[in-house]
Structure formats: C-alpha cells, structure tokens
Amino acid sequence: MLKLNIVGWREGLLKISMNHVLQEHLSLGLKDSKDCVDDVLAGNVVSFTLENSAKADVLVKALEDVGAILEIESDQDALRVVSNGEA
C-alpha cells in the first residue's frame, strides 16, 4: 500500500482543477474535495492511502500537473519519494 501526502503547492496551483482530480481519482464528493484543497492551501498535510500503485502513479501525475507537491510513502519498501517543487 502507498500513502500519498499532499504537503504543499507550487505558485499557480489550479484549485478548481485539483478539486476535479480528487473527485475523479478518489471518488470524493465536491465538499470533501474542496475541504482537502482548502486544507492544503492552509498549510496542512492531506493524506490518502492507495492500494493500487498504477492508479497512484496516474493520480500523482495529475496532482503534480495542477501544482501539488506530494510525498509518497510505501510500507513495503520503506520508500519515501518527494515530488519536484517547493515545500
């Protein structure tokens, strides 16, 4: 399993696009996705546990494309990857 942490954002974060990404890839409702984006903008870390690494790769790419800075943790490999960007 992978743990995806949204730890920050780059300048120009596309807030509405991030809402759409979270809704599409995580099946969140509008209120829940909006709350997650607002938490990120407030400086809080938002975390999700993902079971499928292929789907996680697609989600990571989509979130990075809209300006999110991510941290990915894997229990199996003790792997920790931080996306490009400023925290």
PDB file of N, CA and C in Angstrom:
ATOM      1  N   MET A   1       0.831  -1.184   0.000  1.00  0.00           N
ATOM      2  CA  MET A   1       0.000   0.000   0.000  1.00  0.00           C
ATOM      3  C   MET A   1       0.873   1.244   0.000  1.00  0.00           C
ATOM      4  N   LEU A   2       0.360   2.264  -0.606  1.00  0.00           N
ATOM      5  CA  LEU A   2       1.064   3.533  -0.684  1.00  0.00           C
ATOM      6  C   LEU A   2       0.304   4.583   0.104  1.00  0.00           C
ATOM      7  N   LYS A   3       1.046   5.459   0.724  1.00  0.00           N
ATOM      8  CA  LYS A   3       0.442   6.605   1.392  1.00  0.00           C
ATOM      9  C   LYS A   3       0.865   7.837   0.605  1.00  0.00           C
ATOM     10  N   LEU A   4      -0.127   8.585   0.136  1.00  0.00           N
ATOM     11  CA  LEU A   4       0.111   9.796  -0.632  1.00  0.00           C
ATOM     12  C   LEU A   4      -0.195  10.986   0.250  1.00  0.00           C
ATOM     13  N   ASN A   5       0.805  11.829   0.457  1.00  0.00           N
ATOM     14  CA  ASN A   5       0.648  13.047   1.248  1.00  0.00           C
ATOM     15  C   ASN A   5       0.747  14.255   0.321  1.00  0.00           C
ATOM     16  N   ILE A   6      -0.257  15.101   0.372  1.00  0.00           N
ATOM     17  CA  ILE A   6      -0.171  16.374  -0.336  1.00  0.00           C
ATOM     18  C   ILE A   6       0.384  17.355   0.693  1.00  0.00           C
ATOM     19  N   VAL A   7       1.638  17.762   0.499  1.00  0.00           N
ATOM     20  CA  VAL A   7       2.341  18.529   1.522  1.00  0.00           C
ATOM     21  C   VAL A   7       2.421  20.022   1.225  1.00  0.00           C
ATOM     22  N   GLY A   8       2.051  20.407   0.031  1.00  0.00           N
ATOM     23  CA  GLY A   8       2.114  21.822  -0.311  1.00  0.00           C
ATOM     24  C   GLY A   8       1.695  22.054  -1.739  1.00  0.00           C
ATOM     25  N   TRP A   9       2.026  23.235  -2.235  1.00  0.00           N
ATOM     26  CA  TRP A   9       1.641  23.601  -3.599  1.00  0.00           C
ATOM     27  C   TRP A   9       2.665  24.550  -4.181  1.00  0.00           C
ATOM     28  N   ARG A  10       2.731  24.517  -5.499  1.00  0.00           N
ATOM     29  CA  ARG A  10       3.579  25.465  -6.210  1.00  0.00           C
ATOM     30  C   ARG A  10       2.749  26.695  -6.536  1.00  0.00           C
ATOM     31  N   GLU A  11       3.428  27.789  -6.767  1.00  0.00           N
ATOM     32  CA  GLU A  11       2.741  29.011  -7.154  1.00  0.00           C
ATOM     33  C   GLU A  11       1.906  28.734  -8.401  1.00  0.00           C
ATOM     34  N   GLY A  12       0.687  29.200  -8.382  1.00  0.00           N
ATOM     35  CA  GLY A  12      -0.202  28.994  -9.521  1.00  0.00           C
ATOM     36  C   GLY A  12      -1.033  27.732  -9.413  1.00  0.00           C
ATOM     37  N   LEU A  13      -1.141  27.160  -8.208  1.00  0.00           N
ATOM     38  CA  LEU A  13      -1.970  25.965  -8.017  1.00  0.00           C
ATOM     39  C   LEU A  13      -3.348  26.192  -8.628  1.00  0.00           C
ATOM     40  N   LEU A  14      -3.806  25.238  -9.393  1.00  0.00           N
ATOM     41  CA  LEU A  14      -5.110  25.311 -10.024  1.00  0.00           C
ATOM     42  C   LEU A  14      -6.130  24.653  -9.097  1.00  0.00           C
ATOM     43  N   LYS A  15      -6.715  25.465  -8.226  1.00  0.00           N
ATOM     44  CA  LYS A  15      -7.587  24.971  -7.161  1.00  0.00           C
ATOM     45  C   LYS A  15      -8.774  24.170  -7.704  1.00  0.00           C
ATOM     46  N   ILE A  16      -9.462  24.700  -8.696  1.00  0.00           N
ATOM     47  CA  ILE A  16     -10.637  24.005  -9.235  1.00  0.00           C
ATOM     48  C   ILE A  16     -10.210  22.712  -9.926  1.00  0.00           C
ATOM     49  N   SER A  17      -9.105  22.762 -10.640  1.00  0.00           N
ATOM     50  CA  SER A  17      -8.607  21.549 -11.298  1.00  0.00           C
ATOM     51  C   SER A  17      -8.229  20.486 -10.279  1.00  0.00           C
ATOM     52  N   MET A  18      -7.653  20.910  -9.156  1.00  0.00           N
ATOM     53  CA  MET A  18      -7.299  19.956  -8.112  1.00  0.00           C
ATOM     54  C   MET A  18      -8.566  19.319  -7.531  1.00  0.00           C
ATOM     55  N   ASN A  19      -9.624  20.105  -7.370  1.00  0.00           N
ATOM     56  CA  ASN A  19     -10.906  19.545  -6.922  1.00  0.00           C
ATOM     57  C   ASN A  19     -11.356  18.443  -7.872  1.00  0.00           C
ATOM     58  N   HIS A  20     -11.283  18.712  -9.173  1.00  0.00           N
ATOM     59  CA  HIS A  20     -11.721  17.738 -10.171  1.00  0.00           C
ATOM     60  C   HIS A  20     -10.866  16.469 -10.133  1.00  0.00           C
ATOM     61  N   VAL A  21      -9.557  16.627  -9.964  1.00  0.00           N
ATOM     62  CA  VAL A  21      -8.656  15.474  -9.894  1.00  0.00           C
ATOM     63  C   VAL A  21      -9.016  14.599  -8.698  1.00  0.00           C
ATOM     64  N   LEU A  22      -9.216  15.216  -7.535  1.00  0.00           N
ATOM     65  CA  LEU A  22      -9.552  14.440  -6.341  1.00  0.00           C
ATOM     66  C   LEU A  22     -10.895  13.740  -6.491  1.00  0.00           C
ATOM     67  N   GLN A  23     -11.858  14.424  -7.097  1.00  0.00           N
ATOM     68  CA  GLN A  23     -13.164  13.804  -7.309  1.00  0.00           C
ATOM     69  C   GLN A  23     -13.059  12.618  -8.267  1.00  0.00           C
ATOM     70  N   GLU A  24     -12.344  12.811  -9.349  1.00  0.00           N
ATOM     71  CA  GLU A  24     -12.247  11.773 -10.377  1.00  0.00           C
ATOM     72  C   GLU A  24     -11.468  10.553  -9.908  1.00  0.00           C
ATOM     73  N   HIS A  25     -10.308  10.776  -9.300  1.00  0.00           N
ATOM     74  CA  HIS A  25      -9.407   9.670  -8.971  1.00  0.00           C
ATOM     75  C   HIS A  25      -9.678   9.036  -7.613  1.00  0.00           C
ATOM     76  N   LEU A  26     -10.288   9.776  -6.695  1.00  0.00           N
ATOM     77  CA  LEU A  26     -10.528   9.242  -5.355  1.00  0.00           C
ATOM     78  C   LEU A  26     -12.009   9.090  -5.041  1.00  0.00           C
ATOM     79  N   SER A  27     -12.852   9.421  -6.002  1.00  0.00           N
ATOM     80  CA  SER A  27     -14.309   9.324  -5.832  1.00  0.00           C
ATOM     81  C   SER A  27     -14.801  10.151  -4.648  1.00  0.00           C
ATOM     82  N   LEU A  28     -14.189  11.308  -4.451  1.00  0.00           N
ATOM     83  CA  LEU A  28     -14.642  12.210  -3.398  1.00  0.00           C
ATOM     84  C   LEU A  28     -15.784  13.069  -3.922  1.00  0.00           C
ATOM     85  N   GLY A  29     -16.656  13.466  -3.024  1.00  0.00           N
ATOM     86  CA  GLY A  29     -17.698  14.412  -3.376  1.00  0.00           C
ATOM     87  C   GLY A  29     -17.119  15.816  -3.436  1.00  0.00           C
ATOM     88  N   LEU A  30     -17.912  16.745  -3.927  1.00  0.00           N
ATOM     89  CA  LEU A  30     -17.444  18.126  -4.082  1.00  0.00           C
ATOM     90  C   LEU A  30     -17.008  18.729  -2.754  1.00  0.00           C
ATOM     91  N   LYS A  31     -17.804  18.563  -1.705  1.00  0.00           N
ATOM     92  CA  LYS A  31     -17.467  19.140  -0.399  1.00  0.00           C
ATOM     93  C   LYS A  31     -16.161  18.563   0.137  1.00  0.00           C
ATOM     94  N   ASP A  32     -16.012  17.232   0.046  1.00  0.00           N
ATOM     95  CA  ASP A  32     -14.797  16.600   0.560  1.00  0.00           C
ATOM     96  C   ASP A  32     -13.555  17.027  -0.229  1.00  0.00           C
ATOM     97  N   SER A  33     -13.677  17.093  -1.552  1.00  0.00           N
ATOM     98  CA  SER A  33     -12.514  17.506  -2.346  1.00  0.00           C
ATOM     99  C   SER A  33     -12.173  18.968  -2.074  1.00  0.00           C
ATOM    100  N   LYS A  34     -13.187  19.814  -1.945  1.00  0.00           N
ATOM    101  CA  LYS A  34     -12.955  21.227  -1.644  1.00  0.00           C
ATOM    102  C   LYS A  34     -12.286  21.387  -0.282  1.00  0.00           C
ATOM    103  N   ASP A  35     -12.738  20.618   0.709  1.00  0.00           N
ATOM    104  CA  ASP A  35     -12.128  20.664   2.042  1.00  0.00           C
ATOM    105  C   ASP A  35     -10.659  20.261   1.992  1.00  0.00           C
ATOM    106  N   CYS A  36     -10.336  19.235   1.193  1.00  0.00           N
ATOM    107  CA  CYS A  36      -8.942  18.791   1.056  1.00  0.00           C
ATOM    108  C   CYS A  36      -8.082  19.896   0.445  1.00  0.00           C
ATOM    109  N   VAL A  37      -8.581  20.518  -0.618  1.00  0.00           N
ATOM    110  CA  VAL A  37      -7.827  21.590  -1.273  1.00  0.00           C
ATOM    111  C   VAL A  37      -7.649  22.764  -0.318  1.00  0.00           C
ATOM    112  N   ASP A  38      -8.707  23.125   0.398  1.00  0.00           N
ATOM    113  CA  ASP A  38      -8.604  24.226   1.359  1.00  0.00           C
ATOM    114  C   ASP A  38      -7.595  23.909   2.457  1.00  0.00           C
ATOM    115  N   ASP A  39      -7.551  22.648   2.910  1.00  0.00           N
ATOM    116  CA  ASP A  39      -6.566  22.243   3.917  1.00  0.00           C
ATOM    117  C   ASP A  39      -5.138  22.404   3.383  1.00  0.00           C
ATOM    118  N   VAL A  40      -4.917  21.990   2.147  1.00  0.00           N
ATOM    119  CA  VAL A  40      -3.589  22.126   1.540  1.00  0.00           C
ATOM    120  C   VAL A  40      -3.202  23.601   1.463  1.00  0.00           C
ATOM    121  N   LEU A  41      -4.137  24.437   1.025  1.00  0.00           N
ATOM    122  CA  LEU A  41      -3.847  25.871   0.905  1.00  0.00           C
ATOM    123  C   LEU A  41      -3.609  26.522   2.268  1.00  0.00           C
ATOM    124  N   ALA A  42      -4.182  25.933   3.325  1.00  0.00           N
ATOM    125  CA  ALA A  42      -3.983  26.451   4.680  1.00  0.00           C
ATOM    126  C   ALA A  42      -2.671  25.959   5.289  1.00  0.00           C
ATOM    127  N   GLY A  43      -1.933  25.130   4.547  1.00  0.00           N
ATOM    128  CA  GLY A  43      -0.640  24.652   5.033  1.00  0.00           C
ATOM    129  C   GLY A  43      -0.684  23.312   5.725  1.00  0.00           C
ATOM    130  N   ASN A  44      -1.820  22.641   5.682  1.00  0.00           N
ATOM    131  CA  ASN A  44      -1.949  21.320   6.308  1.00  0.00           C
ATOM    132  C   ASN A  44      -1.581  20.226   5.315  1.00  0.00           C
ATOM    133  N   VAL A  45      -1.093  19.108   5.835  1.00  0.00           N
ATOM    134  CA  VAL A  45      -0.804  17.941   5.009  1.00  0.00           C
ATOM    135  C   VAL A  45      -2.086  17.121   4.903  1.00  0.00           C
ATOM    136  N   VAL A  46      -2.432  16.734   3.684  1.00  0.00           N
ATOM    137  CA  VAL A  46      -3.604  15.898   3.444  1.00  0.00           C
ATOM    138  C   VAL A  46      -3.099  14.549   2.948  1.00  0.00           C
ATOM    139  N   SER A  47      -3.563  13.451   3.577  1.00  0.00           N
ATOM    140  CA  SER A  47      -3.053  12.118   3.261  1.00  0.00           C
ATOM    141  C   SER A  47      -4.147  11.194   2.755  1.00  0.00           C
ATOM    142  N   PHE A  48      -3.746  10.321   1.843  1.00  0.00           N
ATOM    143  CA  PHE A  48      -4.630   9.293   1.310  1.00  0.00           C
ATOM    144  C   PHE A  48      -3.854   7.988   1.255  1.00  0.00           C
ATOM    145  N   THR A  49      -4.519   6.874   1.544  1.00  0.00           N
ATOM    146  CA  THR A  49      -3.923   5.554   1.401  1.00  0.00           C
ATOM    147  C   THR A  49      -4.439   4.947   0.109  1.00  0.00           C
ATOM    148  N   LEU A  50      -3.514   4.499  -0.719  1.00  0.00           N
ATOM    149  CA  LEU A  50      -3.854   3.945  -2.028  1.00  0.00           C
ATOM    150  C   LEU A  50      -3.353   2.508  -2.110  1.00  0.00           C
ATOM    151  N   GLU A  51      -4.193   1.616  -2.609  1.00  0.00           N
ATOM    152  CA  GLU A  51      -3.810   0.210  -2.692  1.00  0.00           C
ATOM    153  C   GLU A  51      -3.213  -0.163  -4.036  1.00  0.00           C
ATOM    154  N   ASN A  52      -3.565   0.552  -5.088  1.00  0.00           N
ATOM    155  CA  ASN A  52      -3.138   0.215  -6.430  1.00  0.00           C
ATOM    156  C   ASN A  52      -2.051   1.198  -6.882  1.00  0.00           C
ATOM    157  N   SER A  53      -0.835   0.707  -7.082  1.00  0.00           N
ATOM    158  CA  SER A  53       0.268   1.606  -7.436  1.00  0.00           C
ATOM    159  C   SER A  53       0.114   2.177  -8.842  1.00  0.00           C
ATOM    160  N   ALA A  54      -0.526   1.460  -9.746  1.00  0.00           N
ATOM    161  CA  ALA A  54      -0.741   2.000 -11.095  1.00  0.00           C
ATOM    162  C   ALA A  54      -1.682   3.197 -11.035  1.00  0.00           C
ATOM    163  N   LYS A  55      -2.746   3.084 -10.269  1.00  0.00           N
ATOM    164  CA  LYS A  55      -3.675   4.201 -10.113  1.00  0.00           C
ATOM    165  C   LYS A  55      -3.004   5.344  -9.361  1.00  0.00           C
ATOM    166  N   ALA A  56      -2.139   5.004  -8.421  1.00  0.00           N
ATOM    167  CA  ALA A  56      -1.418   6.034  -7.671  1.00  0.00           C
ATOM    168  C   ALA A  56      -0.521   6.841  -8.596  1.00  0.00           C
ATOM    169  N   ASP A  57       0.137   6.181  -9.537  1.00  0.00           N
ATOM    170  CA  ASP A  57       1.002   6.885 -10.489  1.00  0.00           C
ATOM    171  C   ASP A  57       0.213   7.899 -11.305  1.00  0.00           C
ATOM    172  N   VAL A  58      -0.980   7.499 -11.743  1.00  0.00           N
ATOM    173  CA  VAL A  58      -1.826   8.393 -12.539  1.00  0.00           C
ATOM    174  C   VAL A  58      -2.272   9.579 -11.687  1.00  0.00           C
ATOM    175  N   LEU A  59      -2.657   9.305 -10.432  1.00  0.00           N
ATOM    176  CA  LEU A  59      -3.086  10.367  -9.523  1.00  0.00           C
ATOM    177  C   LEU A  59      -1.946  11.331  -9.226  1.00  0.00           C
ATOM    178  N   VAL A  60      -0.770  10.812  -8.963  1.00  0.00           N
ATOM    179  CA  VAL A  60       0.398  11.651  -8.675  1.00  0.00           C
ATOM    180  C   VAL A  60       0.680  12.579  -9.849  1.00  0.00           C
ATOM    181  N   LYS A  61       0.676  12.046 -11.051  1.00  0.00           N
ATOM    182  CA  LYS A  61       0.926  12.865 -12.244  1.00  0.00           C
ATOM    183  C   LYS A  61      -0.125  13.960 -12.377  1.00  0.00           C
ATOM    184  N   ALA A  62      -1.390  13.595 -12.181  1.00  0.00           N
ATOM    185  CA  ALA A  62      -2.475  14.576 -12.318  1.00  0.00           C
ATOM    186  C   ALA A  62      -2.362  15.671 -11.261  1.00  0.00           C
ATOM    187  N   LEU A  63      -2.033  15.306 -10.022  1.00  0.00           N
ATOM    188  CA  LEU A  63      -1.902  16.297  -8.953  1.00  0.00           C
ATOM    189  C   LEU A  63      -0.697  17.208  -9.177  1.00  0.00           C
ATOM    190  N   GLU A  64       0.412  16.630  -9.614  1.00  0.00           N
ATOM    191  CA  GLU A  64       1.587  17.462  -9.901  1.00  0.00           C
ATOM    192  C   GLU A  64       1.310  18.423 -11.049  1.00  0.00           C
ATOM    193  N   ASP A  65       0.538  17.979 -12.034  1.00  0.00           N
ATOM    194  CA  ASP A  65       0.212  18.833 -13.179  1.00  0.00           C
ATOM    195  C   ASP A  65      -0.584  20.070 -12.774  1.00  0.00           C
ATOM    196  N   VAL A  66      -1.379  19.971 -11.695  1.00  0.00           N
ATOM    197  CA  VAL A  66      -2.170  21.132 -11.259  1.00  0.00           C
ATOM    198  C   VAL A  66      -1.458  21.943 -10.188  1.00  0.00           C
ATOM    199  N   GLY A  67      -0.263  21.498  -9.743  1.00  0.00           N
ATOM    200  CA  GLY A  67       0.536  22.306  -8.833  1.00  0.00           C
ATOM    201  C   GLY A  67       0.738  21.773  -7.432  1.00  0.00           C
ATOM    202  N   ALA A  68       0.324  20.547  -7.163  1.00  0.00           N
ATOM    203  CA  ALA A  68       0.503  19.988  -5.822  1.00  0.00           C
ATOM    204  C   ALA A  68       1.935  19.481  -5.640  1.00  0.00           C
ATOM    205  N   ILE A  69       2.424  19.576  -4.417  1.00  0.00           N
ATOM    206  CA  ILE A  69       3.706  18.987  -4.046  1.00  0.00           C
ATOM    207  C   ILE A  69       3.381  17.780  -3.180  1.00  0.00           C
ATOM    208  N   LEU A  70       3.899  16.630  -3.581  1.00  0.00           N
ATOM    209  CA  LEU A  70       3.498  15.372  -2.971  1.00  0.00           C
ATOM    210  C   LEU A  70       4.657  14.650  -2.322  1.00  0.00           C
ATOM    211  N   GLU A  71       4.297  13.812  -1.384  1.00  0.00           N
ATOM    212  CA  GLU A  71       5.229  12.911  -0.732  1.00  0.00           C
ATOM    213  C   GLU A  71       4.564  11.538  -0.786  1.00  0.00           C
ATOM    214  N   ILE A  72       5.306  10.539  -1.228  1.00  0.00           N
ATOM    215  CA  ILE A  72       4.754   9.195  -1.367  1.00  0.00           C
ATOM    216  C   ILE A  72       5.542   8.264  -0.461  1.00  0.00           C
ATOM    217  N   GLU A  73       4.814   7.507   0.341  1.00  0.00           N
ATOM    218  CA  GLU A  73       5.447   6.557   1.244  1.00  0.00           C
ATOM    219  C   GLU A  73       4.938   5.161   0.920  1.00  0.00           C
ATOM    220  N   SER A  74       5.847   4.175   0.949  1.00  0.00           N
ATOM    221  CA  SER A  74       5.478   2.791   0.723  1.00  0.00           C
ATOM    222  C   SER A  74       5.889   1.976   1.937  1.00  0.00           C
ATOM    223  N   ASP A  75       4.948   1.242   2.501  1.00  0.00           N
ATOM    224  CA  ASP A  75       5.248   0.398   3.656  1.00  0.00           C
ATOM    225  C   ASP A  75       6.172  -0.752   3.275  1.00  0.00           C
ATOM    226  N   GLN A  76       6.000  -1.299   2.084  1.00  0.00           N
ATOM    227  CA  GLN A  76       6.750  -2.486   1.672  1.00  0.00           C
ATOM    228  C   GLN A  76       8.231  -2.215   1.515  1.00  0.00           C
ATOM    229  N   ASP A  77       8.578  -1.121   0.880  1.00  0.00           N
ATOM    230  CA  ASP A  77       9.980  -0.868   0.565  1.00  0.00           C
ATOM    231  C   ASP A  77      10.613   0.208   1.434  1.00  0.00           C
ATOM    232  N   ALA A  78       9.881   0.701   2.400  1.00  0.00           N
ATOM    233  CA  ALA A  78      10.346   1.829   3.213  1.00  0.00           C
ATOM    234  C   ALA A  78      10.787   2.966   2.310  1.00  0.00           C
ATOM    235  N   LEU A  79      10.056   3.143   1.242  1.00  0.00           N
ATOM    236  CA  LEU A  79      10.374   4.142   0.226  1.00  0.00           C
ATOM    237  C   LEU A  79       9.662   5.444   0.538  1.00  0.00           C
ATOM    238  N   ARG A  80      10.369   6.527   0.351  1.00  0.00           N
ATOM    239  CA  ARG A  80       9.774   7.847   0.523  1.00  0.00           C
ATOM    240  C   ARG A  80      10.242   8.715  -0.629  1.00  0.00           C
ATOM    241  N   VAL A  81       9.308   9.173  -1.434  1.00  0.00           N
ATOM    242  CA  VAL A  81       9.623   9.968  -2.618  1.00  0.00           C
ATOM    243  C   VAL A  81       8.906  11.301  -2.490  1.00  0.00           C
ATOM    244  N   VAL A  82       9.633  12.372  -2.742  1.00  0.00           N
ATOM    245  CA  VAL A  82       9.029  13.704  -2.711  1.00  0.00           C
ATOM    246  C   VAL A  82       9.040  14.239  -4.125  1.00  0.00           C
ATOM    247  N   SER A  83       7.890  14.794  -4.538  1.00  0.00           N
ATOM    248  CA  SER A  83       7.792  15.329  -5.889  1.00  0.00           C
ATOM    249  C   SER A  83       8.601  16.610  -6.022  1.00  0.00           C
ATOM    250  N   ASN A  84       8.824  17.015  -7.250  1.00  0.00           N
ATOM    251  CA  ASN A  84       9.528  18.248  -7.539  1.00  0.00           C
ATOM    252  C   ASN A  84       8.682  19.439  -7.105  1.00  0.00           C
ATOM    253  N   GLY A  85       9.322  20.467  -6.662  1.00  0.00           N
ATOM    254  CA  GLY A  85       8.596  21.675  -6.264  1.00  0.00           C
ATOM    255  C   GLY A  85       9.119  22.205  -4.971  1.00  0.00           C
ATOM    256  N   GLU A  86       8.555  23.307  -4.551  1.00  0.00           N
ATOM    257  CA  GLU A  86       8.962  23.934  -3.311  1.00  0.00           C
ATOM    258  C   GLU A  86       7.950  23.616  -2.239  1.00  0.00           C
ATOM    259  N   ALA A  87       8.430  23.261  -1.080  1.00  0.00           N
ATOM    260  CA  ALA A  87       7.522  22.951   0.031  1.00  0.00           C
ATOM    261  C   ALA A  87       7.229  24.201   0.824  1.00  0.00           C
TER     262      ALA A  87
END
